[in-house]
PDB file of N, CA and C in Angstrom:
ATOM      1  N   MET A   1      18.020 -50.273 -28.277  1.00  0.00           N
ATOM      2  CA  MET A   1      18.324 -51.569 -28.854  1.00  0.00           C
ATOM      3  C   MET A   1      17.615 -52.650 -28.043  1.00  0.00           C
ATOM      4  N   VAL A   2      17.108 -53.622 -28.725  1.00  0.00           N
ATOM      5  CA  VAL A   2      16.371 -54.697 -28.079  1.00  0.00           C
ATOM      6  C   VAL A   2      17.350 -55.747 -27.570  1.00  0.00           C
ATOM      7  N   ALA A   3      17.184 -56.135 -26.336  1.00  0.00           N
ATOM      8  CA  ALA A   3      18.074 -57.137 -25.730  1.00  0.00           C
ATOM      9  C   ALA A   3      17.629 -58.541 -26.100  1.00  0.00           C
ATOM     10  N   ASP A   4      18.563 -59.488 -25.985  1.00  0.00           N
ATOM     11  CA  ASP A   4      18.255 -60.896 -26.254  1.00  0.00           C
ATOM     12  C   ASP A   4      17.113 -61.397 -25.381  1.00  0.00           C
ATOM     13  N   LEU A   5      16.983 -60.845 -24.191  1.00  0.00           N
ATOM     14  CA  LEU A   5      15.979 -61.313 -23.241  1.00  0.00           C
ATOM     15  C   LEU A   5      14.563 -61.010 -23.698  1.00  0.00           C
ATOM     16  N   ASP A   6      14.416 -60.093 -24.635  1.00  0.00           N
ATOM     17  CA  ASP A   6      13.097 -59.745 -25.135  1.00  0.00           C
ATOM     18  C   ASP A   6      12.561 -60.771 -26.130  1.00  0.00           C
ATOM     19  N   PHE A   7      13.401 -61.711 -26.542  1.00  0.00           N
ATOM     20  CA  PHE A   7      13.006 -62.708 -27.535  1.00  0.00           C
ATOM     21  C   PHE A   7      13.065 -64.107 -26.937  1.00  0.00           C
ATOM     22  N   LYS A   8      12.164 -64.954 -27.397  1.00  0.00           N
ATOM     23  CA  LYS A   8      12.207 -66.365 -27.029  1.00  0.00           C
ATOM     24  C   LYS A   8      13.339 -67.026 -27.812  1.00  0.00           C
ATOM     25  N   LYS A   9      13.761 -68.188 -27.342  1.00  0.00           N
ATOM     26  CA  LYS A   9      14.850 -68.911 -27.990  1.00  0.00           C
ATOM     27  C   LYS A   9      14.510 -69.202 -29.458  1.00  0.00           C
ATOM     28  N   GLU A  10      13.270 -69.563 -29.731  1.00  0.00           N
ATOM     29  CA  GLU A  10      12.844 -69.867 -31.105  1.00  0.00           C
ATOM     30  C   GLU A  10      12.952 -68.628 -31.991  1.00  0.00           C
ATOM     31  N   GLU A  11      12.615 -67.462 -31.419  1.00  0.00           N
ATOM     32  CA  GLU A  11      12.697 -66.214 -32.187  1.00  0.00           C
ATOM     33  C   GLU A  11      14.153 -65.853 -32.481  1.00  0.00           C
ATOM     34  N   ILE A  12      15.028 -66.040 -31.514  1.00  0.00           N
ATOM     35  CA  ILE A  12      16.452 -65.778 -31.735  1.00  0.00           C
ATOM     36  C   ILE A  12      16.986 -66.702 -32.820  1.00  0.00           C
ATOM     37  N   ASN A  13      16.594 -67.965 -32.767  1.00  0.00           N
ATOM     38  CA  ASN A  13      17.019 -68.918 -33.799  1.00  0.00           C
ATOM     39  C   ASN A  13      16.530 -68.487 -35.176  1.00  0.00           C
ATOM     40  N   ARG A  14      15.296 -67.999 -35.254  1.00  0.00           N
ATOM     41  CA  ARG A  14      14.734 -67.540 -36.538  1.00  0.00           C
ATOM     42  C   ARG A  14      15.460 -66.288 -37.034  1.00  0.00           C
ATOM     43  N   ILE A  15      15.789 -65.373 -36.134  1.00  0.00           N
ATOM     44  CA  ILE A  15      16.531 -64.164 -36.511  1.00  0.00           C
ATOM     45  C   ILE A  15      17.895 -64.556 -37.082  1.00  0.00           C
ATOM     46  N   ILE A  16      18.569 -65.484 -36.421  1.00  0.00           N
ATOM     47  CA  ILE A  16      19.881 -65.946 -36.893  1.00  0.00           C
ATOM     48  C   ILE A  16      19.740 -66.604 -38.264  1.00  0.00           C
ATOM     49  N   GLU A  17      18.723 -67.429 -38.420  1.00  0.00           N
ATOM     50  CA  GLU A  17      18.488 -68.093 -39.701  1.00  0.00           C
ATOM     51  C   GLU A  17      18.246 -67.066 -40.807  1.00  0.00           C
ATOM     52  N   MET A  18      17.403 -66.074 -40.531  1.00  0.00           N
ATOM     53  CA  MET A  18      17.109 -65.040 -41.523  1.00  0.00           C
ATOM     54  C   MET A  18      18.352 -64.212 -41.842  1.00  0.00           C
ATOM     55  N   ALA A  19      19.177 -63.947 -40.834  1.00  0.00           N
ATOM     56  CA  ALA A  19      20.387 -63.160 -41.049  1.00  0.00           C
ATOM     57  C   ALA A  19      21.379 -63.896 -41.947  1.00  0.00           C
ATOM     58  N   TRP A  20      21.416 -65.229 -41.853  1.00  0.00           N
ATOM     59  CA  TRP A  20      22.324 -66.014 -42.690  1.00  0.00           C
ATOM     60  C   TRP A  20      21.830 -66.132 -44.127  1.00  0.00           C
ATOM     61  N   GLU A  21      20.508 -66.029 -44.336  1.00  0.00           N
ATOM     62  CA  GLU A  21      19.948 -66.164 -45.682  1.00  0.00           C
ATOM     63  C   GLU A  21      20.378 -64.985 -46.546  1.00  0.00           C
ATOM     64  N   ASP A  22      20.885 -65.276 -47.732  1.00  0.00           N
ATOM     65  CA  ASP A  22      21.378 -64.230 -48.621  1.00  0.00           C
ATOM     66  C   ASP A  22      20.272 -63.290 -49.099  1.00  0.00           C
ATOM     67  N   ARG A  23      19.117 -63.818 -49.376  1.00  0.00           N
ATOM     68  CA  ARG A  23      18.054 -63.017 -49.983  1.00  0.00           C
ATOM     69  C   ARG A  23      17.106 -62.358 -48.984  1.00  0.00           C
ATOM     70  N   THR A  24      17.334 -62.543 -47.707  1.00  0.00           N
ATOM     71  CA  THR A  24      16.481 -61.912 -46.694  1.00  0.00           C
ATOM     72  C   THR A  24      17.115 -60.598 -46.266  1.00  0.00           C
ATOM     73  N   PRO A  25      16.501 -59.474 -46.624  1.00  0.00           N
ATOM     74  CA  PRO A  25      17.088 -58.182 -46.241  1.00  0.00           C
ATOM     75  C   PRO A  25      16.885 -57.894 -44.754  1.00  0.00           C
ATOM     76  N   PHE A  26      17.739 -57.040 -44.217  1.00  0.00           N
ATOM     77  CA  PHE A  26      17.620 -56.651 -42.816  1.00  0.00           C
ATOM     78  C   PHE A  26      16.263 -56.000 -42.548  1.00  0.00           C
ATOM     79  N   GLU A  27      15.710 -55.346 -43.558  1.00  0.00           N
ATOM     80  CA  GLU A  27      14.404 -54.702 -43.398  1.00  0.00           C
ATOM     81  C   GLU A  27      13.303 -55.723 -43.107  1.00  0.00           C
ATOM     82  N   ALA A  28      13.415 -56.941 -43.648  1.00  0.00           N
ATOM     83  CA  ALA A  28      12.440 -57.992 -43.367  1.00  0.00           C
ATOM     84  C   ALA A  28      12.528 -58.433 -41.913  1.00  0.00           C
ATOM     85  N   ILE A  29      13.739 -58.502 -41.392  1.00  0.00           N
ATOM     86  CA  ILE A  29      13.927 -58.858 -39.982  1.00  0.00           C
ATOM     87  C   ILE A  29      13.367 -57.751 -39.101  1.00  0.00           C
ATOM     88  N   GLU A  30      13.607 -56.504 -39.503  1.00  0.00           N
ATOM     89  CA  GLU A  30      13.076 -55.373 -38.736  1.00  0.00           C
ATOM     90  C   GLU A  30      11.544 -55.375 -38.752  1.00  0.00           C
ATOM     91  N   TYR A  31      10.961 -55.659 -39.905  1.00  0.00           N
ATOM     92  CA  TYR A  31       9.502 -55.693 -40.018  1.00  0.00           C
ATOM     93  C   TYR A  31       8.904 -56.789 -39.137  1.00  0.00           C
ATOM     94  N   GLN A  32       9.521 -57.959 -39.147  1.00  0.00           N
ATOM     95  CA  GLN A  32       8.974 -59.098 -38.412  1.00  0.00           C
ATOM     96  C   GLN A  32       9.263 -59.033 -36.910  1.00  0.00           C
ATOM     97  N   PHE A  33      10.452 -58.541 -36.533  1.00  0.00           N
ATOM     98  CA  PHE A  33      10.857 -58.592 -35.128  1.00  0.00           C
ATOM     99  C   PHE A  33      11.099 -57.223 -34.501  1.00  0.00           C
ATOM    100  N   GLY A  34      11.027 -56.144 -35.313  1.00  0.00           N
ATOM    101  CA  GLY A  34      11.275 -54.809 -34.786  1.00  0.00           C
ATOM    102  C   GLY A  34      12.734 -54.583 -34.421  1.00  0.00           C
ATOM    103  N   LEU A  35      13.627 -55.269 -35.089  1.00  0.00           N
ATOM    104  CA  LEU A  35      15.048 -55.271 -34.765  1.00  0.00           C
ATOM    105  C   LEU A  35      15.840 -54.699 -35.929  1.00  0.00           C
ATOM    106  N   LYS A  36      16.522 -53.582 -35.712  1.00  0.00           N
ATOM    107  CA  LYS A  36      17.328 -52.964 -36.762  1.00  0.00           C
ATOM    108  C   LYS A  36      18.617 -53.758 -36.962  1.00  0.00           C
ATOM    109  N   GLU A  37      19.372 -53.392 -38.002  1.00  0.00           N
ATOM    110  CA  GLU A  37      20.593 -54.120 -38.347  1.00  0.00           C
ATOM    111  C   GLU A  37      21.566 -54.216 -37.178  1.00  0.00           C
ATOM    112  N   ASN A  38      21.717 -53.150 -36.417  1.00  0.00           N
ATOM    113  CA  ASN A  38      22.629 -53.189 -35.265  1.00  0.00           C
ATOM    114  C   ASN A  38      22.167 -54.200 -34.222  1.00  0.00           C
ATOM    115  N   GLY A  39      20.865 -54.340 -34.032  1.00  0.00           N
ATOM    116  CA  GLY A  39      20.327 -55.328 -33.105  1.00  0.00           C
ATOM    117  C   GLY A  39      20.577 -56.743 -33.594  1.00  0.00           C
ATOM    118  N   VAL A  40      20.428 -56.939 -34.906  1.00  0.00           N
ATOM    119  CA  VAL A  40      20.713 -58.256 -35.500  1.00  0.00           C
ATOM    120  C   VAL A  40      22.184 -58.585 -35.283  1.00  0.00           C
ATOM    121  N   ARG A  41      23.043 -57.609 -35.508  1.00  0.00           N
ATOM    122  CA  ARG A  41      24.483 -57.798 -35.322  1.00  0.00           C
ATOM    123  C   ARG A  41      24.788 -58.195 -33.879  1.00  0.00           C
ATOM    124  N   LYS A  42      24.117 -57.549 -32.922  1.00  0.00           N
ATOM    125  CA  LYS A  42      24.336 -57.863 -31.506  1.00  0.00           C
ATOM    126  C   LYS A  42      23.900 -59.296 -31.193  1.00  0.00           C
ATOM    127  N   ILE A  43      22.747 -59.684 -31.697  1.00  0.00           N
ATOM    128  CA  ILE A  43      22.262 -61.055 -31.471  1.00  0.00           C
ATOM    129  C   ILE A  43      23.219 -62.061 -32.098  1.00  0.00           C
ATOM    130  N   MET A  44      23.682 -61.774 -33.302  1.00  0.00           N
ATOM    131  CA  MET A  44      24.616 -62.683 -33.962  1.00  0.00           C
ATOM    132  C   MET A  44      25.916 -62.783 -33.159  1.00  0.00           C
ATOM    133  N   ARG A  45      26.408 -61.649 -32.677  1.00  0.00           N
ATOM    134  CA  ARG A  45      27.671 -61.632 -31.929  1.00  0.00           C
ATOM    135  C   ARG A  45      27.555 -62.432 -30.635  1.00  0.00           C
ATOM    136  N   THR A  46      26.419 -62.302 -29.937  1.00  0.00           N
ATOM    137  CA  THR A  46      26.288 -62.966 -28.636  1.00  0.00           C
ATOM    138  C   THR A  46      25.880 -64.435 -28.737  1.00  0.00           C
ATOM    139  N   ASN A  47      25.336 -64.847 -29.876  1.00  0.00           N
ATOM    140  CA  ASN A  47      24.831 -66.220 -29.982  1.00  0.00           C
ATOM    141  C   ASN A  47      25.649 -67.127 -30.895  1.00  0.00           C
ATOM    142  N   LEU A  48      26.622 -66.564 -31.603  1.00  0.00           N
ATOM    143  CA  LEU A  48      27.470 -67.375 -32.475  1.00  0.00           C
ATOM    144  C   LEU A  48      28.879 -67.438 -31.907  1.00  0.00           C
ATOM    145  N   LYS A  49      29.613 -68.453 -32.303  1.00  0.00           N
ATOM    146  CA  LYS A  49      31.039 -68.496 -31.970  1.00  0.00           C
ATOM    147  C   LYS A  49      31.708 -67.348 -32.710  1.00  0.00           C
ATOM    148  N   ARG A  50      32.830 -66.904 -32.187  1.00  0.00           N
ATOM    149  CA  ARG A  50      33.523 -65.743 -32.766  1.00  0.00           C
ATOM    150  C   ARG A  50      33.816 -65.942 -34.253  1.00  0.00           C
ATOM    151  N   ALA A  51      34.338 -67.094 -34.615  1.00  0.00           N
ATOM    152  CA  ALA A  51      34.688 -67.359 -36.017  1.00  0.00           C
ATOM    153  C   ALA A  51      33.442 -67.338 -36.907  1.00  0.00           C
ATOM    154  N   SER A  52      32.338 -67.885 -36.403  1.00  0.00           N
ATOM    155  CA  SER A  52      31.091 -67.884 -37.166  1.00  0.00           C
ATOM    156  C   SER A  52      30.562 -66.468 -37.341  1.00  0.00           C
ATOM    157  N   PHE A  53      30.649 -65.669 -36.282  1.00  0.00           N
ATOM    158  CA  PHE A  53      30.208 -64.276 -36.370  1.00  0.00           C
ATOM    159  C   PHE A  53      31.053 -63.521 -37.386  1.00  0.00           C
ATOM    160  N   GLU A  54      32.361 -63.692 -37.329  1.00  0.00           N
ATOM    161  CA  GLU A  54      33.247 -63.004 -38.275  1.00  0.00           C
ATOM    162  C   GLU A  54      32.989 -63.448 -39.713  1.00  0.00           C
ATOM    163  N   ARG A  55      32.729 -64.730 -39.911  1.00  0.00           N
ATOM    164  CA  ARG A  55      32.406 -65.243 -41.245  1.00  0.00           C
ATOM    165  C   ARG A  55      31.110 -64.624 -41.754  1.00  0.00           C
ATOM    166  N   TRP A  56      30.103 -64.517 -40.869  1.00  0.00           N
ATOM    167  CA  TRP A  56      28.822 -63.905 -41.241  1.00  0.00           C
ATOM    168  C   TRP A  56      29.020 -62.436 -41.597  1.00  0.00           C
ATOM    169  N   ARG A  57      29.762 -61.689 -40.778  1.00  0.00           N
ATOM    170  CA  ARG A  57      29.991 -60.262 -41.040  1.00  0.00           C
ATOM    171  C   ARG A  57      30.689 -60.065 -42.382  1.00  0.00           C
ATOM    172  N   LYS A  58      31.672 -60.908 -42.665  1.00  0.00           N
ATOM    173  CA  LYS A  58      32.375 -60.808 -43.941  1.00  0.00           C
ATOM    174  C   LYS A  58      31.415 -61.103 -45.091  1.00  0.00           C
ATOM    175  N   ARG A  59      30.541 -62.062 -44.881  1.00  0.00           N
ATOM    176  CA  ARG A  59      29.595 -62.475 -45.914  1.00  0.00           C
ATOM    177  C   ARG A  59      28.570 -61.385 -46.225  1.00  0.00           C
ATOM    178  N   VAL A  60      28.006 -60.736 -45.210  1.00  0.00           N
ATOM    179  CA  VAL A  60      26.940 -59.754 -45.445  1.00  0.00           C
ATOM    180  C   VAL A  60      27.461 -58.346 -45.677  1.00  0.00           C
ATOM    181  N   SER A  61      28.710 -58.115 -45.364  1.00  0.00           N
ATOM    182  CA  SER A  61      29.273 -56.777 -45.518  1.00  0.00           C
ATOM    183  C   SER A  61      29.276 -56.386 -46.997  1.00  0.00           C
ATOM    184  N   GLY A  62      28.547 -55.332 -47.311  1.00  0.00           N
ATOM    185  CA  GLY A  62      28.486 -54.841 -48.678  1.00  0.00           C
ATOM    186  C   GLY A  62      27.588 -55.638 -49.605  1.00  0.00           C
ATOM    187  N   ARG A  63      26.899 -56.636 -49.099  1.00  0.00           N
ATOM    188  CA  ARG A  63      26.007 -57.461 -49.928  1.00  0.00           C
ATOM    189  C   ARG A  63      24.721 -56.698 -50.213  1.00  0.00           C
ATOM    190  N   LYS A  64      24.450 -56.456 -51.483  1.00  0.00           N
ATOM    191  CA  LYS A  64      23.282 -55.666 -51.870  1.00  0.00           C
ATOM    192  C   LYS A  64      21.971 -56.334 -51.485  1.00  0.00           C
ATOM    193  N   THR A  65      21.917 -57.646 -51.511  1.00  0.00           N
ATOM    194  CA  THR A  65      20.656 -58.334 -51.223  1.00  0.00           C
ATOM    195  C   THR A  65      20.263 -58.268 -49.756  1.00  0.00           C
ATOM    196  N   LYS A  66      21.179 -57.879 -48.871  1.00  0.00           N
ATOM    197  CA  LYS A  66      20.843 -57.772 -47.451  1.00  0.00           C
ATOM    198  C   LYS A  66      20.208 -56.425 -47.133  1.00  0.00           C
ATOM    199  N   HIS A  67      20.203 -55.522 -48.103  1.00  0.00           N
ATOM    200  CA  HIS A  67      19.601 -54.209 -47.905  1.00  0.00           C
ATOM    201  C   HIS A  67      18.584 -53.968 -49.011  1.00  0.00           C
ATOM    202  N   LYS A  68      17.418 -53.535 -48.607  1.00  0.00           N
ATOM    203  CA  LYS A  68      16.351 -53.258 -49.553  1.00  0.00           C
ATOM    204  C   LYS A  68      16.811 -52.184 -50.529  1.00  0.00           C
ATOM    205  N   GLN A  69      16.454 -52.341 -51.790  1.00  0.00           N
ATOM    206  CA  GLN A  69      16.817 -51.327 -52.766  1.00  0.00           C
ATOM    207  C   GLN A  69      15.996 -50.067 -52.521  1.00  0.00           C
ATOM    208  N   THR A  70      16.687 -48.942 -52.452  1.00  0.00           N
ATOM    209  CA  THR A  70      15.996 -47.687 -52.206  1.00  0.00           C
ATOM    210  C   THR A  70      15.970 -46.804 -53.441  1.00  0.00           C
ATOM    211  N   SER A  71      16.744 -47.159 -54.453  1.00  0.00           N
ATOM    212  CA  SER A  71      16.755 -46.339 -55.657  1.00  0.00           C
ATOM    213  C   SER A  71      15.940 -47.006 -56.759  1.00  0.00           C
ATOM    214  N   ILE A  72      15.504 -46.190 -57.698  1.00  0.00           N
ATOM    215  CA  ILE A  72      14.735 -46.690 -58.834  1.00  0.00           C
ATOM    216  C   ILE A  72      15.695 -47.341 -59.820  1.00  0.00           C
ATOM    217  N   SER A  73      15.278 -48.452 -60.400  1.00  0.00           N
ATOM    218  CA  SER A  73      16.118 -49.175 -61.341  1.00  0.00           C
ATOM    219  C   SER A  73      16.413 -48.314 -62.560  1.00  0.00           C
ATOM    220  N   THR A  74      17.652 -48.383 -63.036  1.00  0.00           N
ATOM    221  CA  THR A  74      18.046 -47.628 -64.221  1.00  0.00           C
ATOM    222  C   THR A  74      17.992 -48.501 -65.471  1.00  0.00           C
ATOM    223  N   ARG A  75      17.529 -49.721 -65.310  1.00  0.00           N
ATOM    224  CA  ARG A  75      17.423 -50.646 -66.427  1.00  0.00           C
ATOM    225  C   ARG A  75      16.223 -50.285 -67.282  1.00  0.00           C
ATOM    226  N   PHE A  76      16.353 -50.382 -68.598  1.00  0.00           N
ATOM    227  CA  PHE A  76      15.257 -50.049 -69.494  1.00  0.00           C
ATOM    228  C   PHE A  76      14.098 -51.012 -69.298  1.00  0.00           C
ATOM    229  N   LYS A  77      12.903 -50.468 -69.292  1.00  0.00           N
ATOM    230  CA  LYS A  77      11.705 -51.281 -69.186  1.00  0.00           C
ATOM    231  C   LYS A  77      10.695 -50.727 -70.192  1.00  0.00           C
ATOM    232  N   SER A  78      10.238 -51.582 -71.086  1.00  0.00           N
ATOM    233  CA  SER A  78       9.269 -51.182 -72.092  1.00  0.00           C
ATOM    234  C   SER A  78       7.956 -50.793 -71.444  1.00  0.00           C
ATOM    235  N   LYS A  79       7.245 -49.863 -72.060  1.00  0.00           N
ATOM    236  CA  LYS A  79       5.931 -49.448 -71.548  1.00  0.00           C
ATOM    237  C   LYS A  79       4.925 -50.592 -71.589  1.00  0.00           C
ATOM    238  N   ASP A  80       5.158 -51.531 -72.520  1.00  0.00           N
ATOM    239  CA  ASP A  80       4.260 -52.696 -72.655  1.00  0.00           C
ATOM    240  C   ASP A  80       4.520 -53.762 -71.604  1.00  0.00           C
ATOM    241  N   GLN A  81       5.683 -53.697 -70.961  1.00  0.00           N
ATOM    242  CA  GLN A  81       6.074 -54.685 -69.961  1.00  0.00           C
ATOM    243  C   GLN A  81       5.435 -54.347 -68.616  1.00  0.00           C
ATOM    244  N   LYS A  82       4.941 -55.368 -67.935  1.00  0.00           N
ATOM    245  CA  LYS A  82       4.304 -55.143 -66.633  1.00  0.00           C
ATOM    246  C   LYS A  82       5.202 -55.547 -65.518  1.00  0.00           C
TER     247      LYS A  82
END
């Protein structure tokens, strides 16, 4: 796991900002910063007030948009549609 010390203050702020964004998946944070979901959780826990961290965890827990879709869509798509 990557420690907070490996990131500059600006990078930690950006990670926190991305973690709060509904449409930014954890995979995007991992791609940009090399930080898996558990690392993001650790940064959020150590840099936010307890109530803010708990509010964030409740917000992202089970949220589909925070995780990249890994399955193929089951919605009908016409062959003519691109």
